[in-house]
Amino acid sequence: LALDLTTRWTSAQFEDDLNTLRLAPASRTDLAVSYALTPRLRLTLAVENLLDADIETSRTATGVVGLAPPRWSRAELTFAW
């Protein structure tokens, strides 16, 4: 069994090359739990953007802001040979 808790923080940055369209600083937390079902098969359950943060990814000159995906989850099976 493995537990992975990751937090990423980014400072304010700019969308454009003239440094006029500023994006807000943001932090994102992800959580994943992984369990080896067999020596070759692993099950992982994960929640990304666990705290459902609004993360700005783009901004236009007219003020329209693009956001990263909200909280979402995934399940995966990994087979190694």
Protein backbone atom coordinates (compact mmCIF):
# COMPACT_ATOMS: atom_id res chain seq x y z
CA LEU A 1 0.00 0.00 0.00
CA ALA A 2 1.31 3.44 -0.91
CA LEU A 3 -0.09 6.87 -0.13
CA ASP A 4 1.01 9.93 -2.10
CA LEU A 5 0.03 13.45 -1.09
CA THR A 6 1.45 16.19 -3.31
CA THR A 7 1.03 19.96 -3.03
CA ARG A 8 2.30 22.31 -5.73
CA TRP A 9 2.48 26.07 -5.44
CA THR A 10 3.14 28.55 -8.23
CA SER A 11 3.79 32.22 -7.78
CA ALA A 12 2.15 34.90 -9.91
CA GLN A 13 3.14 34.69 -13.55
CA PHE A 14 2.31 36.41 -16.79
CA GLU A 15 0.25 35.12 -19.71
CA ASP A 16 1.82 37.35 -22.36
CA ASP A 17 5.34 38.27 -23.46
CA LEU A 18 4.85 41.94 -22.51
CA ASN A 19 4.13 41.04 -18.87
CA THR A 20 0.78 42.83 -18.79
CA LEU A 21 -1.66 39.93 -18.28
CA ARG A 22 -0.94 38.61 -14.80
CA LEU A 23 -2.14 35.20 -13.58
CA ALA A 24 -2.84 34.77 -9.87
CA PRO A 25 -0.61 32.55 -7.70
CA ALA A 26 -2.12 29.14 -7.01
CA SER A 27 -1.67 25.91 -5.10
CA ARG A 28 -2.98 22.46 -5.92
CA THR A 29 -3.12 19.33 -3.79
CA ASP A 30 -3.37 15.79 -5.19
CA LEU A 31 -3.95 12.55 -3.29
CA ALA A 32 -3.32 9.02 -4.57
CA VAL A 33 -3.61 5.61 -2.92
CA SER A 34 -1.98 2.65 -4.62
CA TYR A 35 -2.22 -1.02 -3.75
CA ALA A 36 -0.36 -3.97 -5.27
CA LEU A 37 -2.98 -6.62 -6.02
CA THR A 38 -0.31 -9.01 -7.26
CA PRO A 39 3.42 -8.58 -7.89
CA ARG A 40 2.55 -7.42 -11.45
CA LEU A 41 -0.82 -5.71 -10.99
CA ARG A 42 -1.36 -2.44 -9.13
CA LEU A 43 -4.60 -0.52 -8.47
CA THR A 44 -4.42 3.25 -8.00
CA LEU A 45 -7.21 5.59 -6.89
CA ALA A 46 -6.47 9.30 -7.12
CA VAL A 47 -8.15 12.65 -6.55
CA GLU A 48 -6.56 15.59 -8.34
CA ASN A 49 -7.12 19.19 -7.22
CA LEU A 50 -8.39 17.75 -3.95
CA LEU A 51 -9.28 21.14 -2.44
CA ASP A 52 -11.04 22.25 -5.67
CA ALA A 53 -8.84 25.33 -6.09
CA ASP A 54 -9.49 27.86 -8.87
CA ILE A 55 -6.23 27.86 -10.83
CA GLU A 56 -5.86 30.46 -13.56
CA THR A 57 -4.27 29.05 -16.72
CA SER A 58 -4.89 31.87 -19.18
CA ARG A 59 -6.13 35.45 -19.43
CA THR A 60 -7.12 37.50 -22.46
CA ALA A 61 -6.71 41.23 -22.99
CA THR A 62 -10.47 41.61 -22.48
CA GLY A 63 -10.26 39.97 -19.02
CA VAL A 64 -11.55 36.48 -19.79
CA VAL A 65 -9.82 34.00 -17.46
CA GLY A 66 -9.31 30.31 -18.25
CA LEU A 67 -9.25 27.87 -15.33
CA ALA A 68 -7.65 24.46 -14.82
CA PRO A 69 -10.02 21.50 -14.32
CA PRO A 70 -11.86 21.36 -10.99
CA ARG A 71 -11.52 18.44 -8.57
CA TRP A 72 -11.67 15.12 -10.36
CA SER A 73 -10.87 11.52 -9.61
CA ARG A 74 -9.44 8.60 -11.52
CA ALA A 75 -8.83 4.89 -11.11
CA GLU A 76 -6.16 2.95 -12.93
CA LEU A 77 -4.86 -0.57 -13.18
CA THR A 78 -1.18 -0.94 -14.01
CA PHE A 79 0.27 -4.20 -15.29
CA ALA A 80 4.04 -4.70 -15.45
CA TRP A 81 5.72 -7.54 -17.29
